[in-house]
Protein backbone atom coordinates (compact mmCIF):
# COMPACT_ATOMS: atom_id res chain seq x y z
CA MET A 1 -19.20 -42.25 22.84
CA ASP A 2 -19.16 -38.38 23.36
CA LYS A 3 -22.76 -36.99 23.17
CA ASP A 4 -21.87 -34.14 20.88
CA LEU A 5 -20.08 -36.26 18.48
CA LEU A 6 -23.04 -38.91 18.45
CA ASN A 7 -25.63 -35.98 17.73
CA ALA A 8 -23.20 -34.67 14.93
CA ILE A 9 -22.97 -38.06 13.48
CA LYS A 10 -26.64 -38.45 13.46
CA GLY A 11 -26.98 -35.13 11.57
CA ASP A 12 -28.65 -33.03 14.17
CA LYS A 13 -28.17 -29.48 12.75
CA ASP A 14 -29.19 -27.99 16.08
CA LYS A 15 -26.19 -29.79 17.76
CA PRO A 16 -22.48 -28.75 17.72
CA SER A 17 -20.64 -29.87 14.55
CA VAL A 18 -17.98 -32.52 14.84
CA PRO A 19 -14.55 -31.08 15.27
CA ASP A 20 -12.27 -31.58 12.09
CA ASP A 21 -9.83 -33.80 13.98
CA LYS A 22 -12.41 -36.09 15.31
CA LEU A 23 -14.32 -36.12 11.87
CA GLU A 24 -11.01 -37.00 10.17
CA ALA A 25 -10.37 -39.86 12.52
CA ILE A 26 -13.80 -41.22 11.82
CA ARG A 27 -13.16 -40.90 8.13
CA THR A 28 -9.77 -42.61 8.47
CA MET A 29 -11.57 -45.68 10.25
CA ALA A 30 -14.31 -45.67 7.68
CA ARG A 31 -11.61 -45.94 4.92
CA ALA A 32 -9.99 -48.84 6.75
CA MET A 33 -13.27 -50.65 6.82
CA ARG A 34 -13.90 -49.95 3.09
CA ASP A 35 -10.45 -51.29 2.30
CA LEU A 36 -10.66 -54.46 4.29
CA THR A 37 -14.01 -55.22 2.81
CA LYS A 38 -12.59 -54.78 -0.81
CA GLU A 39 -9.60 -56.73 0.25
CA ILE A 40 -11.70 -59.64 1.53
CA GLU A 41 -13.98 -59.51 -1.46
CA ASP A 42 -10.73 -59.82 -3.79
CA MET A 43 -9.45 -62.63 -1.60
CA GLU A 44 -12.71 -64.61 -1.93
CA ALA A 45 -12.65 -64.07 -5.75
CA ARG A 46 -9.18 -65.10 -5.98
CA THR A 47 -9.74 -68.28 -3.92
CA LYS A 48 -12.82 -69.13 -6.05
CA GLU A 49 -10.48 -68.86 -9.21
CA LYS A 50 -7.89 -71.06 -7.59
CA LYS A 51 -10.25 -73.57 -6.53
CA ALA A 52 -11.69 -73.85 -10.12
CA GLU A 53 -7.93 -74.18 -11.42
CA LEU A 54 -7.31 -77.07 -8.93
CA ALA A 55 -10.30 -78.81 -9.99
CA ARG A 56 -9.57 -78.64 -13.68
CA ILE A 57 -5.98 -79.98 -12.90
CA SER A 58 -7.05 -82.90 -10.50
CA MET A 59 -10.03 -83.80 -12.56
CA ASN A 60 -8.92 -83.34 -16.10
CA ASP A 61 -5.54 -82.07 -17.03
CA LEU A 62 -3.37 -84.25 -14.80
CA VAL A 63 -5.77 -87.39 -15.17
CA THR A 64 -5.52 -87.09 -19.00
CA LEU A 65 -1.56 -86.63 -18.98
CA MET A 66 -1.38 -89.65 -16.54
CA GLU A 67 -3.57 -91.77 -18.60
CA GLU A 68 -1.83 -90.98 -21.72
CA ASN A 69 1.54 -92.15 -20.09
CA LYS A 70 -0.31 -95.15 -18.19
CA VAL A 71 0.91 -93.78 -14.82
CA SER A 72 -1.83 -94.31 -12.03
CA ALA A 73 0.43 -92.92 -9.23
CA ILE A 74 3.47 -90.67 -8.57
CA THR A 75 5.43 -89.22 -5.56
CA LEU A 76 6.61 -85.80 -5.19
CA GLU A 77 9.81 -85.78 -3.00
CA ALA A 78 10.19 -83.14 -0.41
CA GLU A 79 11.06 -79.72 -1.74
CA GLY A 80 11.88 -76.84 0.26
CA ASN A 81 9.08 -76.23 2.86
CA TYR A 82 6.84 -78.76 0.95
CA PRO A 83 6.75 -82.23 2.43
CA ARG A 84 6.81 -85.47 0.48
CA TYR A 85 3.39 -86.09 -1.34
CA GLU A 86 1.73 -89.05 -2.82
CA LEU A 87 -0.48 -88.68 -5.79
CA GLU A 88 -2.93 -91.32 -7.13
CA ALA A 89 -5.66 -91.30 -9.92
CA LYS A 90 -8.93 -92.88 -8.52
CA PRO A 91 -12.31 -93.05 -9.75
CA TYR A 92 -14.60 -90.06 -8.89
CA TYR A 93 -18.49 -90.34 -8.01
CA LYS A 94 -20.71 -87.54 -6.73
CA ALA A 95 -24.67 -87.45 -6.96
CA VAL A 96 -26.88 -84.72 -5.68
CA LEU A 97 -30.44 -84.87 -6.68
CA PRO A 98 -31.25 -81.94 -9.21
CA ARG A 99 -33.36 -79.07 -7.54
CA ASP A 100 -35.72 -76.55 -8.77
CA LYS A 101 -33.84 -73.16 -9.09
CA ILE A 102 -36.70 -71.11 -7.70
CA THR A 103 -38.19 -73.45 -4.89
CA ASP A 104 -35.02 -75.36 -4.16
CA LYS A 105 -37.13 -78.55 -3.94
CA VAL A 106 -35.97 -81.85 -5.49
CA LEU A 107 -37.18 -82.54 -9.05
CA PRO A 108 -39.57 -85.45 -8.97
CA ALA A 109 -37.76 -87.38 -11.63
CA GLY A 110 -34.88 -88.53 -9.40
CA PRO A 111 -37.15 -90.08 -6.61
CA GLU A 112 -39.39 -91.58 -9.23
CA TRP A 113 -36.67 -93.46 -10.81
CA LEU A 114 -35.24 -94.59 -7.42
CA LYS A 115 -38.63 -95.85 -6.61
CA LYS A 116 -39.14 -97.80 -9.83
CA ASN A 117 -35.68 -99.28 -9.52
CA GLY A 118 -35.86 -100.70 -6.00
CA ALA A 119 -34.07 -98.15 -4.12
CA ALA A 120 -37.08 -96.16 -2.49
CA ASP A 121 -35.52 -97.02 0.90
CA LEU A 122 -32.92 -94.38 -0.05
CA ILE A 123 -35.40 -91.55 0.06
CA LYS A 124 -35.60 -89.53 3.25
CA ARG A 125 -39.21 -87.98 3.78
CA VAL A 126 -39.52 -84.76 5.65
CA PHE A 127 -43.03 -83.46 6.86
CA VAL A 128 -42.96 -79.78 7.91
CA VAL A 129 -45.99 -78.99 10.00
CA THR A 130 -47.09 -75.32 10.62
CA LEU A 131 -48.85 -74.79 13.99
CA PRO A 132 -50.54 -71.60 15.02
CA MET A 133 -49.24 -69.26 17.74
CA ASP A 134 -49.80 -70.35 21.39
CA SER A 135 -49.90 -74.05 20.53
CA ASP A 136 -47.88 -75.51 23.28
CA LYS A 137 -50.47 -78.14 24.17
CA LEU A 138 -51.03 -79.04 20.58
CA ALA A 139 -47.25 -79.19 20.00
CA VAL A 140 -46.94 -81.76 22.96
CA ALA A 141 -49.85 -83.73 21.56
CA LEU A 142 -48.26 -83.80 18.13
CA ARG A 143 -44.84 -84.78 19.44
CA LYS A 144 -46.33 -87.66 21.48
CA PHE A 145 -48.14 -88.89 18.35
CA LEU A 146 -45.08 -88.66 16.31
CA ILE A 147 -43.02 -90.65 18.89
CA GLY A 148 -45.79 -93.33 20.04
CA PRO A 149 -47.60 -95.77 18.17
CA VAL A 150 -50.18 -95.01 15.59
CA PRO A 151 -53.58 -95.75 17.03
CA ALA A 152 -55.30 -98.76 15.46
CA LYS A 153 -58.49 -98.47 13.25
CA LYS A 154 -61.49 -99.24 15.16
CA LYS A 155 -63.59 -102.15 13.70
CA GLY A 156 -67.11 -101.48 12.34
CA LYS A 157 -66.54 -97.78 11.69
CA LYS A 158 -66.53 -96.58 8.02
CA ALA A 159 -63.36 -95.01 7.04
CA GLN A 160 -63.74 -91.17 6.63
CA PRO A 161 -61.68 -89.31 4.04
CA PHE A 162 -58.46 -87.84 5.28
CA VAL A 163 -58.62 -84.08 5.76
CA PRO A 164 -55.46 -82.56 7.31
CA ARG A 165 -56.29 -80.38 10.29
CA TYR A 166 -53.11 -78.20 9.71
CA ARG A 167 -51.16 -77.07 6.81
CA PHE A 168 -48.00 -79.25 6.11
CA GLU A 169 -45.35 -79.45 3.52
CA GLU A 170 -43.85 -82.90 2.43
CA LYS A 171 -40.31 -83.21 1.01
CA GLU A 172 -38.45 -85.90 -0.51
CA ASP A 173 -34.58 -86.08 -0.57
CA VAL A 174 -31.66 -88.32 -0.67
CA PRO A 175 -28.38 -87.51 1.29
CA TRP A 176 -25.73 -86.88 -1.35
CA ALA A 177 -23.28 -89.28 0.23
CA THR A 178 -25.88 -92.06 0.26
CA LEU A 179 -26.79 -91.29 -3.32
CA THR A 180 -23.19 -91.23 -4.33
CA SER A 181 -22.75 -94.63 -2.54
CA PHE A 182 -25.74 -96.07 -4.44
CA VAL A 183 -24.38 -94.86 -7.85
CA LYS A 184 -20.95 -96.21 -7.22
CA GLU A 185 -22.01 -99.52 -6.12
CA ARG A 186 -24.52 -100.00 -8.99
CA ILE A 187 -21.81 -99.02 -11.50
CA GLU A 188 -18.82 -100.91 -10.00
CA LYS A 189 -20.36 -103.94 -8.41
CA LEU A 190 -23.57 -104.46 -10.18
CA LYS A 191 -22.33 -103.26 -13.65
CA LYS A 192 -25.64 -101.48 -14.19
CA PRO A 193 -26.07 -98.19 -15.64
CA VAL A 194 -27.79 -95.11 -14.01
CA PRO A 195 -29.18 -91.97 -15.44
CA LEU A 196 -26.59 -89.47 -14.75
CA GLU A 197 -28.79 -86.47 -15.43
CA ILE A 198 -31.86 -87.55 -13.62
CA LEU A 199 -29.85 -88.49 -10.55
CA GLY A 200 -27.56 -85.43 -10.84
CA ALA A 201 -24.47 -87.84 -10.90
CA THR A 202 -20.93 -87.09 -12.27
CA ILE A 203 -18.51 -89.90 -12.65
CA GLY A 204 -14.97 -89.95 -13.94
CA LYS A 205 -11.46 -89.81 -12.38
CA ILE A 206 -9.58 -87.38 -9.90
CA VAL A 207 -6.03 -87.36 -8.70
CA ARG A 208 -5.94 -87.44 -4.97
CA MET A 209 -2.96 -86.03 -3.05
CA LYS A 210 -1.96 -86.64 0.30
CA GLU A 211 1.06 -85.87 2.60
CA ALA A 212 3.17 -89.03 2.76
CA LYS A 213 3.80 -90.62 6.12
CA SER A 214 7.35 -90.22 7.32
CA SER A 215 9.08 -93.48 7.47
């Protein structure tokens, strides 16, 4: 970029000012940037609205209409640029453990219920260990400890109370796909109820649409 132009943009009053034609060129490009930013924001807002409308139709309005008329599936024949589509009402399950809005940590009620009801194996535990700077050797030793076998306790020695050498954080979570499968199986196969609010579960029906395969 031209040095005088750069200095002028930076606001150095002791340097030559920007020529009017160049300043107007900068403004023109700045307007283009502004307009594109606003256009993208509007498109994103419009997309959010359309997704909400699609969810309402596929999970509520169309499901209700089909149930009222005892229709479980329907076909839309090809029209104009639209190919042939097949639509079918199916059960809908989704479960995501509720989280604290501030810390984003999983609320304890969900994991506790899973443990009490024989599903503790679903829980994924994550330990986050914070090491000090310049700790390459320590990192290697820690990695070997995590990968290798845990040392056996020596006989004849009194057990010492556990005192962590380094600060660490423990987290419990269940992948949403795993939890969703658990909820679905418990309801459909085992015919057992689940606490929807505690497990962050939503159940209902949804109309799935897919492009029909050409015959």
